[in-house]
Amino acid sequence: MTARDAESNLRERRKRRTQNAIIDAALQLFEEKGYDAVSVEEIAAAADVSPRTFYRYFPAKEDVLVVDPEVEAAMRAALAERRPHESDADLVARSMITALAARRPERARSAYHLLDATPALQARIHQLVWRDQEHVVEALLAGAPRTPEAELRARVITHAVTGTIRVAVVAWIQSGQRSTVVAHCEQALTFLREELAH
């Protein structure tokens, strides 16, 4: 490893530490006071950073609920690891499940409850989900001729799988979380596969 690589890794670790501190501080404040009653300034103070630093990592307060460096890293790594004989749909499903499993359970519970209890957050969440879907589409298109048919195929696969997982997560929250979110998503994906196999 070169000195430049070591410095880059150090910067990345510091960035993750700061992001994690902001996320944990925000979730604790949301739980104590309610989402609407907490300001960015309060979150920044609790995380021991400036509001300017907060906005460097999160464009808006609601982004704290869905932007998670550990989840994003897990998703990128899974998308980059194409397994032998793995279909595009299975690659997307495995990557999404890996990302869900990478989130710390206490963070996931807090974020899911807040999203379920705060309808005003839904529009922003859909924007972020759309952004993540575009990353997946690009991963499916990588290394192949980019034709209109290839783009359509990648988008159909991505939206079918991510839509199924999104429905499963909502159902899991509403069911009282009797099983794990991953098990719930796996069951929903099985339903999708079975229907498409007919």
C-alpha atoms as a PDB file:
ATOM      1  CA  MET A   1       0.000   0.000   0.000  1.00  0.00           C
ATOM      2  CA  THR A   2       1.349   3.391  -0.994  1.00  0.00           C
ATOM      3  CA  ALA A   3       1.418   6.439   1.260  1.00  0.00           C
ATOM      4  CA  ARG A   4      -1.341   7.941  -0.862  1.00  0.00           C
ATOM      5  CA  ASP A   5      -3.502   4.833  -0.395  1.00  0.00           C
ATOM      6  CA  ALA A   6      -2.926   4.888   3.367  1.00  0.00           C
ATOM      7  CA  GLU A   7      -3.911   8.547   3.534  1.00  0.00           C
ATOM      8  CA  SER A   8      -7.028   7.881   1.460  1.00  0.00           C
ATOM      9  CA  ASN A   9      -8.031   4.997   3.763  1.00  0.00           C
ATOM     10  CA  LEU A  10      -7.490   7.195   6.821  1.00  0.00           C
ATOM     11  CA  ARG A  11      -9.701   9.918   5.336  1.00  0.00           C
ATOM     12  CA  GLU A  12     -12.394   7.359   4.559  1.00  0.00           C
ATOM     13  CA  ARG A  13     -12.317   5.997   8.131  1.00  0.00           C
ATOM     14  CA  ARG A  14     -12.578   9.500   9.565  1.00  0.00           C
ATOM     15  CA  LYS A  15     -15.478  10.263   7.246  1.00  0.00           C
ATOM     16  CA  ARG A  16     -17.297   7.117   8.358  1.00  0.00           C
ATOM     17  CA  ARG A  17     -16.684   7.896  12.029  1.00  0.00           C
ATOM     18  CA  THR A  18     -18.144  11.373  11.595  1.00  0.00           C
ATOM     19  CA  GLN A  19     -21.145  10.073   9.654  1.00  0.00           C
ATOM     20  CA  ASN A  20     -21.779   7.397  12.278  1.00  0.00           C
ATOM     21  CA  ALA A  21     -21.569   9.938  15.103  1.00  0.00           C
ATOM     22  CA  ILE A  22     -24.117  12.175  13.369  1.00  0.00           C
ATOM     23  CA  ILE A  23     -26.489   9.263  12.642  1.00  0.00           C
ATOM     24  CA  ASP A  24     -26.353   7.960  16.222  1.00  0.00           C
ATOM     25  CA  ALA A  25     -26.858  11.423  17.716  1.00  0.00           C
ATOM     26  CA  ALA A  26     -29.781  12.157  15.413  1.00  0.00           C
ATOM     27  CA  LEU A  27     -31.573   8.858  16.076  1.00  0.00           C
ATOM     28  CA  GLN A  28     -31.211   9.297  19.830  1.00  0.00           C
ATOM     29  CA  LEU A  29     -32.630  12.833  19.666  1.00  0.00           C
ATOM     30  CA  PHE A  30     -35.478  11.763  17.377  1.00  0.00           C
ATOM     31  CA  GLU A  31     -36.381   9.021  19.832  1.00  0.00           C
ATOM     32  CA  GLU A  32     -36.278  11.371  22.822  1.00  0.00           C
ATOM     33  CA  LYS A  33     -38.028  14.411  21.339  1.00  0.00           C
ATOM     34  CA  GLY A  34     -39.725  13.344  18.132  1.00  0.00           C
ATOM     35  CA  TYR A  35     -38.477  13.939  14.601  1.00  0.00           C
ATOM     36  CA  ASP A  36     -40.162  17.307  14.021  1.00  0.00           C
ATOM     37  CA  ALA A  37     -38.913  18.781  17.307  1.00  0.00           C
ATOM     38  CA  VAL A  38     -35.220  18.220  16.534  1.00  0.00           C
ATOM     39  CA  SER A  39     -33.162  20.740  14.542  1.00  0.00           C
ATOM     40  CA  VAL A  40     -30.005  20.186  12.529  1.00  0.00           C
ATOM     41  CA  GLU A  41     -28.198  22.463  14.983  1.00  0.00           C
ATOM     42  CA  GLU A  42     -29.157  20.175  17.879  1.00  0.00           C
ATOM     43  CA  ILE A  43     -27.980  17.100  16.015  1.00  0.00           C
ATOM     44  CA  ALA A  44     -24.677  18.762  15.148  1.00  0.00           C
ATOM     45  CA  ALA A  45     -24.112  19.809  18.753  1.00  0.00           C
ATOM     46  CA  ALA A  46     -24.880  16.304  20.052  1.00  0.00           C
ATOM     47  CA  ALA A  47     -22.447  14.807  17.512  1.00  0.00           C
ATOM     48  CA  ASP A  48     -19.816  17.429  18.398  1.00  0.00           C
ATOM     49  CA  VAL A  49     -19.644  18.821  14.867  1.00  0.00           C
ATOM     50  CA  SER A  50     -20.687  22.099  13.276  1.00  0.00           C
ATOM     51  CA  PRO A  51     -23.931  22.465  11.278  1.00  0.00           C
ATOM     52  CA  ARG A  52     -21.720  23.058   8.251  1.00  0.00           C
ATOM     53  CA  THR A  53     -20.092  19.659   8.792  1.00  0.00           C
ATOM     54  CA  PHE A  54     -23.530  18.071   9.137  1.00  0.00           C
ATOM     55  CA  TYR A  55     -24.550  19.423   5.730  1.00  0.00           C
ATOM     56  CA  ARG A  56     -21.290  18.222   4.209  1.00  0.00           C
ATOM     57  CA  TYR A  57     -22.410  14.650   4.942  1.00  0.00           C
ATOM     58  CA  PHE A  58     -26.204  14.959   4.801  1.00  0.00           C
ATOM     59  CA  PRO A  59     -28.047  17.350   2.448  1.00  0.00           C
ATOM     60  CA  ALA A  60     -31.068  17.467   4.787  1.00  0.00           C
ATOM     61  CA  LYS A  61     -32.205  16.264   8.196  1.00  0.00           C
ATOM     62  CA  GLU A  62     -34.256  13.388   6.785  1.00  0.00           C
ATOM     63  CA  ASP A  63     -31.235  11.961   4.967  1.00  0.00           C
ATOM     64  CA  VAL A  64     -29.870  10.817   8.343  1.00  0.00           C
ATOM     65  CA  LEU A  65     -32.573   8.130   8.368  1.00  0.00           C
ATOM     66  CA  VAL A  66     -31.497   6.451   5.152  1.00  0.00           C
ATOM     67  CA  VAL A  67     -27.905   7.429   4.354  1.00  0.00           C
ATOM     68  CA  ASP A  68     -25.680   4.929   6.153  1.00  0.00           C
ATOM     69  CA  PRO A  69     -22.000   4.472   5.195  1.00  0.00           C
ATOM     70  CA  GLU A  70     -21.935   0.835   6.287  1.00  0.00           C
ATOM     71  CA  VAL A  71     -25.007   0.013   4.205  1.00  0.00           C
ATOM     72  CA  GLU A  72     -23.675   1.853   1.158  1.00  0.00           C
ATOM     73  CA  ALA A  73     -20.301   0.084   1.392  1.00  0.00           C
ATOM     74  CA  ALA A  74     -22.008  -3.317   1.681  1.00  0.00           C
ATOM     75  CA  MET A  75     -24.207  -2.561  -1.313  1.00  0.00           C
ATOM     76  CA  ARG A  76     -21.299  -1.446  -3.502  1.00  0.00           C
ATOM     77  CA  ALA A  77     -19.237  -4.511  -2.568  1.00  0.00           C
ATOM     78  CA  ALA A  78     -22.110  -6.901  -3.288  1.00  0.00           C
ATOM     79  CA  LEU A  79     -22.872  -5.320  -6.667  1.00  0.00           C
ATOM     80  CA  ALA A  80     -19.207  -5.590  -7.634  1.00  0.00           C
ATOM     81  CA  GLU A  81     -19.092  -9.312  -6.786  1.00  0.00           C
ATOM     82  CA  ARG A  82     -20.810 -11.127  -9.643  1.00  0.00           C
ATOM     83  CA  ARG A  83     -21.113 -14.824  -8.769  1.00  0.00           C
ATOM     84  CA  PRO A  84     -20.904 -17.631 -11.354  1.00  0.00           C
ATOM     85  CA  HIS A  85     -24.256 -18.322 -13.051  1.00  0.00           C
ATOM     86  CA  GLU A  86     -25.954 -15.562 -11.029  1.00  0.00           C
ATOM     87  CA  SER A  87     -28.801 -13.843 -12.865  1.00  0.00           C
ATOM     88  CA  ASP A  88     -29.146 -10.067 -12.848  1.00  0.00           C
ATOM     89  CA  ALA A  89     -32.277 -10.334 -10.721  1.00  0.00           C
ATOM     90  CA  ASP A  90     -30.467 -12.521  -8.183  1.00  0.00           C
ATOM     91  CA  LEU A  91     -27.523 -10.100  -8.128  1.00  0.00           C
ATOM     92  CA  VAL A  92     -29.844  -7.180  -7.347  1.00  0.00           C
ATOM     93  CA  ALA A  93     -31.713  -9.199  -4.716  1.00  0.00           C
ATOM     94  CA  ARG A  94     -28.511 -10.379  -3.016  1.00  0.00           C
ATOM     95  CA  SER A  95     -27.076  -6.850  -3.013  1.00  0.00           C
ATOM     96  CA  MET A  96     -30.225  -5.377  -1.476  1.00  0.00           C
ATOM     97  CA  ILE A  97     -30.428  -8.107   1.171  1.00  0.00           C
ATOM     98  CA  THR A  98     -26.725  -7.649   1.971  1.00  0.00           C
ATOM     99  CA  ALA A  99     -27.282  -3.914   2.393  1.00  0.00           C
ATOM    100  CA  LEU A 100     -30.276  -4.462   4.698  1.00  0.00           C
ATOM    101  CA  ALA A 101     -28.330  -6.954   6.795  1.00  0.00           C
ATOM    102  CA  ALA A 102     -25.393  -4.535   7.098  1.00  0.00           C
ATOM    103  CA  ARG A 103     -27.431  -1.956   8.980  1.00  0.00           C
ATOM    104  CA  ARG A 104     -27.044  -2.026  12.729  1.00  0.00           C
ATOM    105  CA  PRO A 105     -30.275  -3.500  14.192  1.00  0.00           C
ATOM    106  CA  GLU A 106     -30.860  -0.625  16.622  1.00  0.00           C
ATOM    107  CA  ARG A 107     -30.457   1.915  13.829  1.00  0.00           C
ATOM    108  CA  ALA A 108     -32.750  -0.015  11.538  1.00  0.00           C
ATOM    109  CA  ARG A 109     -35.505  -0.243  14.160  1.00  0.00           C
ATOM    110  CA  SER A 110     -35.345   3.469  14.977  1.00  0.00           C
ATOM    111  CA  ALA A 111     -35.264   4.545  11.338  1.00  0.00           C
ATOM    112  CA  TYR A 112     -38.108   2.234  10.274  1.00  0.00           C
ATOM    113  CA  HIS A 113     -40.347   3.376  13.131  1.00  0.00           C
ATOM    114  CA  LEU A 114     -39.692   7.036  12.364  1.00  0.00           C
ATOM    115  CA  LEU A 115     -40.404   6.549   8.666  1.00  0.00           C
ATOM    116  CA  ASP A 116     -43.615   4.728   9.455  1.00  0.00           C
ATOM    117  CA  ALA A 117     -44.726   7.387  11.955  1.00  0.00           C
ATOM    118  CA  THR A 118     -43.761  10.469   9.918  1.00  0.00           C
ATOM    119  CA  PRO A 119     -45.626  10.626   6.571  1.00  0.00           C
ATOM    120  CA  ALA A 120     -43.892  13.895   5.636  1.00  0.00           C
ATOM    121  CA  LEU A 121     -40.655  11.946   5.196  1.00  0.00           C
ATOM    122  CA  GLN A 122     -42.021   9.679   2.484  1.00  0.00           C
ATOM    123  CA  ALA A 123     -41.382  11.973  -0.515  1.00  0.00           C
ATOM    124  CA  ARG A 124     -37.715  12.434   0.343  1.00  0.00           C
ATOM    125  CA  ILE A 125     -37.281   8.742   0.978  1.00  0.00           C
ATOM    126  CA  HIS A 126     -38.673   7.955  -2.472  1.00  0.00           C
ATOM    127  CA  GLN A 127     -36.129  10.367  -4.000  1.00  0.00           C
ATOM    128  CA  LEU A 128     -33.285   8.585  -2.229  1.00  0.00           C
ATOM    129  CA  VAL A 129     -34.607   5.151  -3.182  1.00  0.00           C
ATOM    130  CA  TRP A 130     -34.749   6.301  -6.811  1.00  0.00           C
ATOM    131  CA  ARG A 131     -31.124   7.444  -6.564  1.00  0.00           C
ATOM    132  CA  ASP A 132     -30.065   4.062  -5.200  1.00  0.00           C
ATOM    133  CA  GLN A 133     -31.962   2.292  -7.946  1.00  0.00           C
ATOM    134  CA  GLU A 134     -30.023   4.259 -10.535  1.00  0.00           C
ATOM    135  CA  HIS A 135     -26.760   2.993  -8.999  1.00  0.00           C
ATOM    136  CA  VAL A 136     -28.027  -0.558  -9.364  1.00  0.00           C
ATOM    137  CA  VAL A 137     -29.094   0.025 -12.974  1.00  0.00           C
ATOM    138  CA  GLU A 138     -25.607   1.350 -13.774  1.00  0.00           C
ATOM    139  CA  ALA A 139     -24.034  -1.725 -12.175  1.00  0.00           C
ATOM    140  CA  LEU A 140     -26.147  -4.032 -14.337  1.00  0.00           C
ATOM    141  CA  LEU A 141     -25.206  -2.107 -17.478  1.00  0.00           C
ATOM    142  CA  ALA A 142     -21.487  -2.064 -16.732  1.00  0.00           C
ATOM    143  CA  GLY A 143     -19.302  -3.876 -19.251  1.00  0.00           C
ATOM    144  CA  ALA A 144     -22.044  -4.486 -21.805  1.00  0.00           C
ATOM    145  CA  PRO A 145     -23.226  -2.573 -24.888  1.00  0.00           C
ATOM    146  CA  ARG A 146     -25.583   0.184 -23.741  1.00  0.00           C
ATOM    147  CA  THR A 147     -28.618  -0.153 -25.961  1.00  0.00           C
ATOM    148  CA  PRO A 148     -32.196   1.040 -25.288  1.00  0.00           C
ATOM    149  CA  GLU A 149     -33.235  -2.583 -24.788  1.00  0.00           C
ATOM    150  CA  ALA A 150     -30.403  -3.211 -22.299  1.00  0.00           C
ATOM    151  CA  GLU A 151     -31.370  -0.090 -20.315  1.00  0.00           C
ATOM    152  CA  LEU A 152     -35.028  -1.069 -20.249  1.00  0.00           C
ATOM    153  CA  ARG A 153     -34.145  -4.581 -19.107  1.00  0.00           C
ATOM    154  CA  ALA A 154     -31.858  -3.297 -16.328  1.00  0.00           C
ATOM    155  CA  ARG A 155     -34.518  -0.859 -15.098  1.00  0.00           C
ATOM    156  CA  VAL A 156     -37.307  -3.447 -15.135  1.00  0.00           C
ATOM    157  CA  ILE A 157     -35.194  -5.926 -13.151  1.00  0.00           C
ATOM    158  CA  THR A 158     -34.009  -3.293 -10.676  1.00  0.00           C
ATOM    159  CA  HIS A 159     -37.432  -1.802 -10.026  1.00  0.00           C
ATOM    160  CA  ALA A 160     -39.129  -5.195  -9.740  1.00  0.00           C
ATOM    161  CA  VAL A 161     -36.670  -6.419  -7.120  1.00  0.00           C
ATOM    162  CA  THR A 162     -36.268  -3.178  -5.157  1.00  0.00           C
ATOM    163  CA  GLY A 163     -40.046  -2.630  -5.240  1.00  0.00           C
ATOM    164  CA  THR A 164     -40.594  -6.099  -3.807  1.00  0.00           C
ATOM    165  CA  ILE A 165     -38.097  -5.449  -1.033  1.00  0.00           C
ATOM    166  CA  ARG A 166     -39.625  -2.055  -0.239  1.00  0.00           C
ATOM    167  CA  VAL A 167     -43.088  -3.645   0.077  1.00  0.00           C
ATOM    168  CA  ALA A 168     -41.621  -6.370   2.287  1.00  0.00           C
ATOM    169  CA  VAL A 169     -39.937  -3.859   4.603  1.00  0.00           C
ATOM    170  CA  VAL A 170     -43.184  -1.914   5.048  1.00  0.00           C
ATOM    171  CA  ALA A 171     -45.087  -5.159   5.711  1.00  0.00           C
ATOM    172  CA  TRP A 172     -42.423  -6.193   8.220  1.00  0.00           C
ATOM    173  CA  ILE A 173     -42.813  -2.911  10.138  1.00  0.00           C
ATOM    174  CA  GLN A 174     -46.592  -3.183  10.155  1.00  0.00           C
ATOM    175  CA  SER A 175     -46.493  -6.828  11.284  1.00  0.00           C
ATOM    176  CA  GLY A 176     -44.729  -5.882  14.497  1.00  0.00           C
ATOM    177  CA  GLN A 177     -41.351  -7.213  13.323  1.00  0.00           C
ATOM    178  CA  ARG A 178     -42.081 -10.791  14.371  1.00  0.00           C
ATOM    179  CA  SER A 179     -39.304 -12.136  12.149  1.00  0.00           C
ATOM    180  CA  THR A 180     -36.165 -10.459  10.818  1.00  0.00           C
ATOM    181  CA  VAL A 181     -36.439  -7.928   8.009  1.00  0.00           C
ATOM    182  CA  VAL A 182     -34.130 -10.111   5.901  1.00  0.00           C
ATOM    183  CA  ALA A 183     -36.385 -13.163   6.342  1.00  0.00           C
ATOM    184  CA  HIS A 184     -39.413 -11.071   5.383  1.00  0.00           C
ATOM    185  CA  CYS A 185     -37.665  -9.824   2.241  1.00  0.00           C
ATOM    186  CA  GLU A 186     -36.500 -13.310   1.283  1.00  0.00           C
ATOM    187  CA  GLN A 187     -40.084 -14.548   1.554  1.00  0.00           C
ATOM    188  CA  ALA A 188     -41.352 -11.689  -0.653  1.00  0.00           C
ATOM    189  CA  LEU A 189     -38.659 -12.395  -3.250  1.00  0.00           C
ATOM    190  CA  THR A 190     -39.685 -16.062  -3.269  1.00  0.00           C
ATOM    191  CA  PHE A 191     -43.266 -15.006  -4.060  1.00  0.00           C
ATOM    192  CA  LEU A 192     -41.966 -12.861  -6.948  1.00  0.00           C
ATOM    193  CA  ARG A 193     -39.782 -15.665  -8.348  1.00  0.00           C
ATOM    194  CA  GLU A 194     -42.609 -18.195  -8.105  1.00  0.00           C
ATOM    195  CA  GLU A 195     -45.042 -15.926  -9.935  1.00  0.00           C
ATOM    196  CA  LEU A 196     -42.596 -15.082 -12.693  1.00  0.00           C
ATOM    197  CA  ALA A 197     -41.770 -18.777 -13.162  1.00  0.00           C
ATOM    198  CA  HIS A 198     -45.368 -19.563 -14.249  1.00  0.00           C
END
